[in-house]
């Protein structure tokens, strides 16, 4: 004998006899979903669950940022590394799986940030040492820096694949920098006036002086009736030397890359003889490879100590005409050698008429991180200290050559 039938547990039908739709589980809005992806599953009680389109992104972020030791110190647990499911069960995510996922799930700028964190923050070296990964990875400046740091770990097969990254990124940098450097050397300003009204040749000081009679104090305005312009000259064909001394310690990878590309762009310009010297505790003259920045970068060995004094002394030996020489020292100024010898050599070069530049950064961001105390001492010795992008360095050199 059967018992009574259990009543239905669904929603009660309305007067039309059609049950109402079930109440959906609340899902976070777009802004909260972004916070949920950033903070991980512990934030879900405040943001609401992720939508179906974000679960893959969450797993990819967990694979990378879930390994952060700071999370354990703070007692925070993310949802963990989500396994990839196969026919017979789950298997752990590999670096190549993760790369495939992020290239499918994220926009380009996010991919570049994730790859940079994977290599530089968490040291996942298989991204640049695994042949299968290198065949699929998209070349970027981040991966180029990683290749330079890890190429000593690579066998010939992997090194050949890594070279593709070097060639691709160098080609991109050359395409961007060559027009910029060419414009800088298109002609430098002279002190002679010109009747050709070009904005880049505008003589601000002479224009102000010539139009002071038209100043209106009540309006605090100066009316320009007669603008003045510089002429451009090609007198910079007089032979100059540019000696680039590049710190190749591990923290200076970006500067090494851009110095190599900049030297290649400057090579062969009329009136300019370019040298490229890399240094750590030793000094290596790479001038013979300047025309091939890819080969040059494959020769660079990042790491080791830093002997700036030794490098500057070597650069001083290359000087042919002090008053027609620019020595550009690209370093973080953390000296591991003889700081007193360095100051003495810089002072001697300046007294002879050599222009000495101390550049704390030479990449597209120009974000300097350097020993300000030593940099200040070199400035007192007569060096020009600052941070320049490659294009700005080319402009500086072009202006000096035009004097």
Protein backbone atom coordinates (compact mmCIF):
# COMPACT_ATOMS: atom_id res chain seq x y z
CA UNK A 1 0.00 0.00 0.00
CA UNK A 2 1.44 3.25 -1.02
CA UNK A 3 1.51 6.36 1.09
CA UNK A 4 0.20 9.78 0.17
CA UNK A 5 1.91 11.61 -2.63
CA UNK A 6 4.25 14.34 -1.41
CA UNK A 7 3.13 17.83 -2.33
CA UNK A 8 5.04 19.66 -5.06
CA UNK A 9 7.74 21.92 -3.70
CA UNK A 10 7.94 24.31 -6.68
CA UNK A 11 6.40 27.76 -6.77
CA UNK A 12 2.62 28.06 -6.57
CA UNK A 13 0.92 28.71 -9.92
CA UNK A 14 -0.80 32.04 -10.36
CA UNK A 15 -4.40 32.56 -11.53
CA UNK A 16 -3.45 31.58 -15.08
CA UNK A 17 -2.16 28.22 -13.87
CA UNK A 18 1.43 28.97 -15.04
CA UNK A 19 4.08 28.71 -12.32
CA UNK A 20 6.29 31.80 -12.02
CA UNK A 21 9.92 31.56 -13.14
CA UNK A 22 12.32 30.46 -10.38
CA UNK A 23 14.20 33.25 -8.66
CA UNK A 24 17.70 33.41 -10.23
CA UNK A 25 20.81 33.24 -8.11
CA UNK A 26 22.14 36.79 -7.76
CA UNK A 27 25.23 37.46 -9.91
CA UNK A 28 27.70 40.31 -9.41
CA UNK A 29 27.50 43.28 -11.74
CA UNK A 30 30.41 44.07 -14.04
CA UNK A 31 32.24 46.28 -11.53
CA UNK A 32 31.89 43.77 -8.70
CA UNK A 33 32.94 40.93 -10.99
CA UNK A 34 36.24 42.71 -11.59
CA UNK A 35 36.80 43.00 -7.83
CA UNK A 36 35.86 39.35 -7.40
CA UNK A 37 38.47 38.36 -10.01
CA UNK A 38 41.08 40.47 -8.27
CA UNK A 39 40.35 39.35 -4.71
CA UNK A 40 39.47 35.70 -5.32
CA UNK A 41 36.74 33.51 -3.88
CA UNK A 42 36.95 34.91 -0.29
CA UNK A 43 35.36 38.11 -1.63
CA UNK A 44 32.38 36.29 -3.12
CA UNK A 45 30.11 36.83 -0.13
CA UNK A 46 30.41 40.57 -0.73
CA UNK A 47 30.51 40.68 -4.54
CA UNK A 48 28.25 37.80 -5.46
CA UNK A 49 29.30 34.81 -7.60
CA UNK A 50 30.95 35.14 -10.97
CA UNK A 51 29.02 34.74 -14.16
CA UNK A 52 29.70 31.74 -16.39
CA UNK A 53 32.01 33.77 -18.61
CA UNK A 54 34.41 34.63 -15.80
CA UNK A 55 35.15 31.22 -14.27
CA UNK A 56 37.94 30.52 -16.76
CA UNK A 57 39.51 33.90 -16.06
CA UNK A 58 39.32 33.21 -12.33
CA UNK A 59 41.07 29.85 -12.75
CA UNK A 60 43.84 31.43 -14.85
CA UNK A 61 44.38 34.18 -12.27
CA UNK A 62 44.43 31.62 -9.47
CA UNK A 63 47.05 29.54 -11.28
CA UNK A 64 49.38 32.51 -11.18
CA UNK A 65 48.52 34.63 -8.15
CA UNK A 66 47.42 31.75 -5.93
CA UNK A 67 51.12 30.94 -5.43
CA UNK A 68 51.81 34.32 -3.79
CA UNK A 69 53.38 33.55 -0.37
CA UNK A 70 51.88 36.73 1.05
CA UNK A 71 48.43 35.13 0.87
CA UNK A 72 49.44 32.41 3.33
CA UNK A 73 51.03 34.92 5.67
CA UNK A 74 47.77 36.84 5.78
CA UNK A 75 45.66 33.69 6.07
CA UNK A 76 43.95 34.28 2.73
CA UNK A 77 43.00 31.32 0.58
CA UNK A 78 42.03 31.74 -3.01
CA UNK A 79 39.97 29.07 -4.69
CA UNK A 80 43.11 27.20 -5.68
CA UNK A 81 44.49 26.02 -8.99
CA UNK A 82 41.60 24.74 -11.00
CA UNK A 83 42.45 21.50 -12.81
CA UNK A 84 41.90 21.03 -16.52
CA UNK A 85 39.62 18.10 -17.05
CA UNK A 86 40.45 15.39 -19.56
CA UNK A 87 38.80 12.17 -20.58
CA UNK A 88 40.07 10.19 -17.59
CA UNK A 89 39.89 12.86 -14.93
CA UNK A 90 41.76 16.00 -13.99
CA UNK A 91 45.35 16.94 -14.67
CA UNK A 92 47.36 19.88 -13.38
CA UNK A 93 47.59 23.02 -15.46
CA UNK A 94 50.95 23.45 -17.19
CA UNK A 95 52.56 26.72 -18.26
CA UNK A 96 51.58 26.09 -21.87
CA UNK A 97 47.96 25.38 -20.86
CA UNK A 98 47.92 28.60 -18.88
CA UNK A 99 49.34 30.62 -21.79
CA UNK A 100 46.70 29.18 -24.12
CA UNK A 101 44.01 30.14 -21.60
CA UNK A 102 45.08 33.72 -21.00
CA UNK A 103 45.47 34.40 -24.74
CA UNK A 104 41.91 33.17 -25.18
CA UNK A 105 40.37 34.89 -22.16
CA UNK A 106 42.07 38.28 -21.73
CA UNK A 107 42.81 41.39 -23.81
CA UNK A 108 46.35 42.02 -25.06
CA UNK A 109 47.39 44.53 -22.36
CA UNK A 110 46.25 42.14 -19.61
CA UNK A 111 48.13 39.24 -21.23
CA UNK A 112 51.34 41.27 -21.22
CA UNK A 113 50.92 42.06 -17.51
CA UNK A 114 50.20 38.42 -16.63
CA UNK A 115 53.21 37.17 -18.59
CA UNK A 116 55.43 39.81 -16.97
CA UNK A 117 54.29 38.79 -13.47
CA UNK A 118 54.72 35.10 -14.27
CA UNK A 119 58.31 35.57 -15.39
CA UNK A 120 59.56 38.45 -13.27
CA UNK A 121 57.52 38.15 -10.07
CA UNK A 122 57.10 34.38 -9.71
CA UNK A 123 60.10 33.16 -11.74
CA UNK A 124 58.16 30.67 -13.89
CA UNK A 125 61.13 30.06 -16.17
CA UNK A 126 59.52 27.35 -18.28
CA UNK A 127 57.71 30.15 -20.11
CA UNK A 128 61.03 31.01 -21.77
CA UNK A 129 62.90 27.69 -21.49
CA UNK A 130 60.25 25.17 -22.62
CA UNK A 131 60.34 24.65 -26.42
CA UNK A 132 56.60 23.97 -26.59
CA UNK A 133 55.87 27.26 -24.80
CA UNK A 134 58.32 29.28 -26.89
CA UNK A 135 56.68 28.06 -30.09
CA UNK A 136 53.33 29.51 -29.00
CA UNK A 137 54.19 32.54 -26.91
CA UNK A 138 53.66 36.03 -28.34
CA UNK A 139 56.96 37.99 -28.42
CA UNK A 140 57.03 40.97 -26.07
CA UNK A 141 59.54 43.18 -24.29
CA UNK A 142 58.83 41.28 -21.05
CA UNK A 143 59.71 37.95 -22.63
CA UNK A 144 62.80 39.45 -24.26
CA UNK A 145 64.08 40.53 -20.85
CA UNK A 146 63.33 37.05 -19.54
CA UNK A 147 65.23 35.44 -22.43
CA UNK A 148 68.27 37.60 -21.70
CA UNK A 149 68.18 36.55 -18.05
CA UNK A 150 67.74 32.82 -18.66
CA UNK A 151 69.47 32.08 -21.99
CA UNK A 152 72.43 30.59 -20.14
CA UNK A 153 70.02 27.82 -19.04
CA UNK A 154 68.91 27.02 -22.59
CA UNK A 155 70.11 24.20 -24.80
CA UNK A 156 70.77 25.01 -28.50
CA UNK A 157 67.24 24.02 -29.58
CA UNK A 158 65.59 26.26 -27.01
CA UNK A 159 68.05 29.06 -27.71
CA UNK A 160 67.10 28.96 -31.40
CA UNK A 161 63.41 29.33 -30.50
CA UNK A 162 64.19 32.10 -28.03
CA UNK A 163 65.99 33.97 -30.77
CA UNK A 164 62.62 34.41 -32.49
CA UNK A 165 61.49 36.52 -29.52
CA UNK A 166 64.66 38.59 -29.68
CA UNK A 167 64.31 39.18 -33.44
CA UNK A 168 60.63 40.11 -33.23
CA UNK A 169 60.95 42.58 -30.37
CA UNK A 170 64.11 44.17 -31.80
CA UNK A 171 62.31 44.64 -35.14
CA UNK A 172 59.44 46.39 -33.33
CA UNK A 173 61.82 48.67 -31.44
CA UNK A 174 63.80 49.51 -34.57
CA UNK A 175 60.61 50.36 -36.45
CA UNK A 176 59.59 52.74 -33.67
CA UNK A 177 62.97 54.31 -32.92
CA UNK A 178 64.47 54.76 -36.38
CA UNK A 179 61.99 57.46 -37.52
CA UNK A 180 62.31 59.21 -34.15
CA UNK A 181 66.12 59.26 -34.30
CA UNK A 182 66.08 60.21 -37.97
CA UNK A 183 63.94 63.25 -37.17
CA UNK A 184 66.38 64.26 -34.44
CA UNK A 185 69.24 64.21 -36.95
CA UNK A 186 67.26 65.76 -39.80
CA UNK A 187 69.05 68.99 -39.01
CA UNK A 188 70.03 70.74 -35.81
CA UNK A 189 69.31 74.29 -34.81
CA UNK A 190 71.84 76.98 -35.56
CA UNK A 191 71.98 80.51 -34.19
CA UNK A 192 71.15 82.04 -37.55
CA UNK A 193 67.57 83.29 -38.10
CA UNK A 194 65.33 81.78 -40.71
CA UNK A 195 62.35 83.10 -42.65
CA UNK A 196 60.86 79.63 -42.96
CA UNK A 197 58.03 79.39 -40.38
CA UNK A 198 58.36 75.86 -39.02
CA UNK A 199 57.00 75.11 -35.55
CA UNK A 200 59.97 72.90 -34.61
CA UNK A 201 62.33 75.83 -35.38
CA UNK A 202 60.41 78.43 -33.34
CA UNK A 203 62.79 80.80 -31.51
CA UNK A 204 60.89 81.49 -28.31
CA UNK A 205 63.40 83.83 -26.64
CA UNK A 206 63.99 86.05 -29.67
CA UNK A 207 60.25 86.20 -30.40
CA UNK A 208 59.44 87.38 -26.87
CA UNK A 209 62.16 90.04 -26.92
CA UNK A 210 61.08 91.35 -30.33
CA UNK A 211 57.42 91.69 -29.33
CA UNK A 212 57.65 93.12 -25.80
CA UNK A 213 56.16 96.38 -27.09
CA UNK A 214 52.91 94.53 -27.66
CA UNK A 215 52.57 93.30 -24.07
CA UNK A 216 49.18 94.10 -22.47
CA UNK A 217 49.61 94.20 -18.68
CA UNK A 218 45.89 94.38 -17.91
CA UNK A 219 45.27 91.18 -19.85
CA UNK A 220 48.65 89.64 -19.02
CA UNK A 221 49.00 88.75 -22.69
CA UNK A 222 51.80 89.19 -25.21
CA UNK A 223 50.66 89.68 -28.78
CA UNK A 224 53.02 88.16 -31.34
CA UNK A 225 53.32 90.38 -34.39
CA UNK A 226 56.69 89.19 -35.68
CA UNK A 227 57.53 85.54 -34.84
CA UNK A 228 61.14 84.45 -35.24
CA UNK A 229 62.59 81.09 -36.19
CA UNK A 230 65.94 79.32 -36.13
CA UNK A 231 67.52 77.93 -39.24
CA UNK A 232 68.62 74.32 -39.50
CA UNK A 233 72.12 73.36 -40.48
CA UNK A 234 74.02 70.25 -41.44
CA UNK A 235 77.28 71.35 -39.85
CA UNK A 236 77.20 68.30 -37.57
CA UNK A 237 79.06 66.28 -40.20
CA UNK A 238 82.20 67.14 -38.19
CA UNK A 239 83.35 63.84 -36.72
CA UNK A 240 81.98 63.11 -33.24
CA UNK A 241 82.20 60.07 -31.00
CA UNK A 242 79.34 58.62 -28.98
CA UNK A 243 80.52 56.04 -26.43
CA UNK A 244 77.66 54.13 -24.80
CA UNK A 245 78.70 52.40 -21.55
CA UNK A 246 75.87 50.07 -20.54
CA UNK A 247 75.52 48.38 -17.17
CA UNK A 248 74.52 44.75 -17.84
CA UNK A 249 73.70 43.79 -14.26
CA UNK A 250 70.42 41.88 -13.92
CA UNK A 251 68.30 44.91 -13.01
CA UNK A 252 69.34 46.80 -16.16
CA UNK A 253 67.90 44.42 -18.79
CA UNK A 254 65.57 47.06 -20.24
CA UNK A 255 68.41 49.54 -20.60
CA UNK A 256 70.65 46.97 -22.31
CA UNK A 257 67.92 46.21 -24.85
CA UNK A 258 67.20 49.82 -25.69
CA UNK A 259 70.89 50.76 -25.73
CA UNK A 260 71.60 48.03 -28.27
CA UNK A 261 68.74 49.16 -30.49
CA UNK A 262 69.62 52.84 -30.10
CA UNK A 263 73.26 52.14 -31.03
CA UNK A 264 72.07 50.28 -34.14
CA UNK A 265 69.92 53.25 -35.13
CA UNK A 266 72.81 55.69 -34.63
CA UNK A 267 75.35 53.51 -36.42
CA UNK A 268 76.48 54.93 -39.74
CA UNK A 269 74.98 58.40 -39.31
CA UNK A 270 77.14 61.07 -40.99
CA UNK A 271 79.70 62.54 -38.64
CA UNK A 272 79.01 60.12 -35.76
CA UNK A 273 81.23 57.25 -34.64
CA UNK A 274 79.34 55.00 -32.22
CA UNK A 275 80.81 52.61 -29.65
CA UNK A 276 78.84 50.23 -27.46
CA UNK A 277 80.48 48.79 -24.33
CA UNK A 278 78.74 46.51 -21.82
CA UNK A 279 80.04 46.02 -18.32
CA UNK A 280 79.44 44.34 -14.99
CA UNK A 281 82.60 43.52 -13.04
CA UNK A 282 84.23 43.07 -16.46
CA UNK A 283 84.12 45.22 -19.60
CA UNK A 284 83.14 43.88 -23.04
CA UNK A 285 83.37 46.01 -26.18
CA UNK A 286 80.40 45.07 -28.39
CA UNK A 287 80.97 47.69 -31.08
CA UNK A 288 81.67 45.09 -33.76
CA UNK A 289 78.11 43.74 -33.32
CA UNK A 290 76.26 47.07 -33.24
CA UNK A 291 74.91 46.61 -36.77
CA UNK A 292 73.18 43.39 -35.65
CA UNK A 293 71.38 44.14 -32.35
CA UNK A 294 69.90 40.63 -32.27
CA UNK A 295 73.33 39.01 -32.27
CA UNK A 296 74.53 41.62 -29.82
CA UNK A 297 71.77 40.86 -27.32
CA UNK A 298 72.38 37.12 -27.65
CA UNK A 299 75.97 37.79 -26.53
CA UNK A 300 75.01 39.85 -23.47
CA UNK A 301 75.33 38.07 -20.14
CA UNK A 302 73.21 39.78 -17.51
CA UNK A 303 74.26 39.57 -13.88
CA UNK A 304 77.49 39.72 -11.95
CA UNK A 305 78.95 42.62 -10.04
CA UNK A 306 79.16 46.25 -11.11
CA UNK A 307 82.46 48.07 -11.65
CA UNK A 308 81.44 51.44 -13.10
CA UNK A 309 84.88 52.97 -12.54
CA UNK A 310 86.51 50.31 -14.70
CA UNK A 311 84.00 50.86 -17.51
CA UNK A 312 84.43 54.65 -17.50
CA UNK A 313 88.22 54.23 -17.53
CA UNK A 314 87.86 51.99 -20.59
CA UNK A 315 85.61 54.56 -22.25
CA UNK A 316 88.19 57.28 -21.55
CA UNK A 317 90.77 55.24 -23.49
CA UNK A 318 88.49 55.30 -26.58
CA UNK A 319 88.28 59.09 -26.68
CA UNK A 320 89.97 60.53 -29.77
CA UNK A 321 88.95 64.21 -29.55
CA UNK A 322 87.65 65.15 -26.07
CA UNK A 323 85.73 68.20 -27.32
CA UNK A 324 83.97 66.06 -29.93
CA UNK A 325 83.06 63.15 -27.66
CA UNK A 326 79.96 62.20 -25.66
CA UNK A 327 80.23 59.40 -23.12
CA UNK A 328 76.79 58.13 -22.08
CA UNK A 329 76.98 56.02 -18.92
CA UNK A 330 73.77 53.99 -18.51
CA UNK A 331 73.61 52.48 -15.03
CA UNK A 332 71.81 52.48 -11.70
CA UNK A 333 74.96 53.99 -10.09
CA UNK A 334 75.22 51.26 -7.46
CA UNK A 335 78.99 51.04 -7.62
CA UNK A 336 80.74 47.83 -6.67
CA UNK A 337 84.16 49.12 -7.66
CA UNK A 338 86.23 52.15 -6.69
CA UNK A 339 83.89 55.15 -6.33
CA UNK A 340 86.84 57.51 -5.77
CA UNK A 341 88.47 56.39 -9.02
CA UNK A 342 85.13 56.86 -10.81
CA UNK A 343 84.73 60.45 -9.62
CA UNK A 344 88.34 61.22 -10.51
CA UNK A 345 87.98 59.82 -14.05
CA UNK A 346 84.72 61.67 -14.69
CA UNK A 347 86.23 64.95 -13.48
CA UNK A 348 89.27 64.44 -15.73
CA UNK A 349 87.08 63.75 -18.77
CA UNK A 350 84.97 66.86 -18.16
CA UNK A 351 88.05 69.05 -17.67
CA UNK A 352 89.35 67.84 -21.04
CA UNK A 353 86.09 68.92 -22.70
CA UNK A 354 84.30 65.58 -22.96
CA UNK A 355 80.53 65.59 -22.40
CA UNK A 356 79.68 62.94 -19.81
CA UNK A 357 76.05 61.83 -19.43
CA UNK A 358 74.92 59.68 -16.53
CA UNK A 359 71.59 58.08 -17.45
CA UNK A 360 69.62 56.32 -14.75
CA UNK A 361 67.17 54.76 -17.21
CA UNK A 362 67.05 54.24 -20.95
CA UNK A 363 63.75 52.59 -21.74
CA UNK A 364 60.40 53.75 -23.02
CA UNK A 365 59.15 54.46 -19.50
CA UNK A 366 62.30 56.16 -18.17
CA UNK A 367 61.51 55.13 -14.60
CA UNK A 368 64.83 55.58 -12.77
CA UNK A 369 65.95 53.55 -9.77
CA UNK A 370 69.46 54.60 -8.86
CA UNK A 371 71.94 55.56 -6.13
CA UNK A 372 71.23 59.27 -5.84
CA UNK A 373 74.23 59.92 -3.60
CA UNK A 374 76.79 58.68 -6.12
CA UNK A 375 74.87 60.27 -9.01
CA UNK A 376 75.01 63.58 -7.14
CA UNK A 377 78.75 63.23 -6.65
CA UNK A 378 79.23 62.64 -10.38
CA UNK A 379 77.09 65.70 -11.11
CA UNK A 380 79.42 67.73 -8.87
CA UNK A 381 82.32 66.35 -10.94
CA UNK A 382 80.69 67.82 -14.07
CA UNK A 383 78.55 65.00 -15.47
CA UNK A 384 74.98 65.59 -16.66
CA UNK A 385 72.75 63.24 -14.65
CA UNK A 386 69.19 62.34 -15.59
CA UNK A 387 66.90 59.85 -17.27
CA UNK A 388 66.33 59.85 -21.04
CA UNK A 389 64.39 57.70 -23.46
CA UNK A 390 66.30 56.61 -26.59
CA UNK A 391 64.60 59.31 -28.64
CA UNK A 392 65.54 62.02 -26.18
CA UNK A 393 69.15 60.78 -26.11
CA UNK A 394 69.24 61.04 -29.91
CA UNK A 395 67.92 64.60 -29.71
CA UNK A 396 70.59 65.49 -27.14
CA UNK A 397 73.35 64.02 -29.30
CA UNK A 398 72.01 65.80 -32.38
CA UNK A 399 71.94 69.15 -30.56
CA UNK A 400 75.52 68.69 -29.36
CA UNK A 401 76.71 67.76 -32.82
CA UNK A 402 75.12 70.89 -34.22
CA UNK A 403 77.11 73.26 -32.00
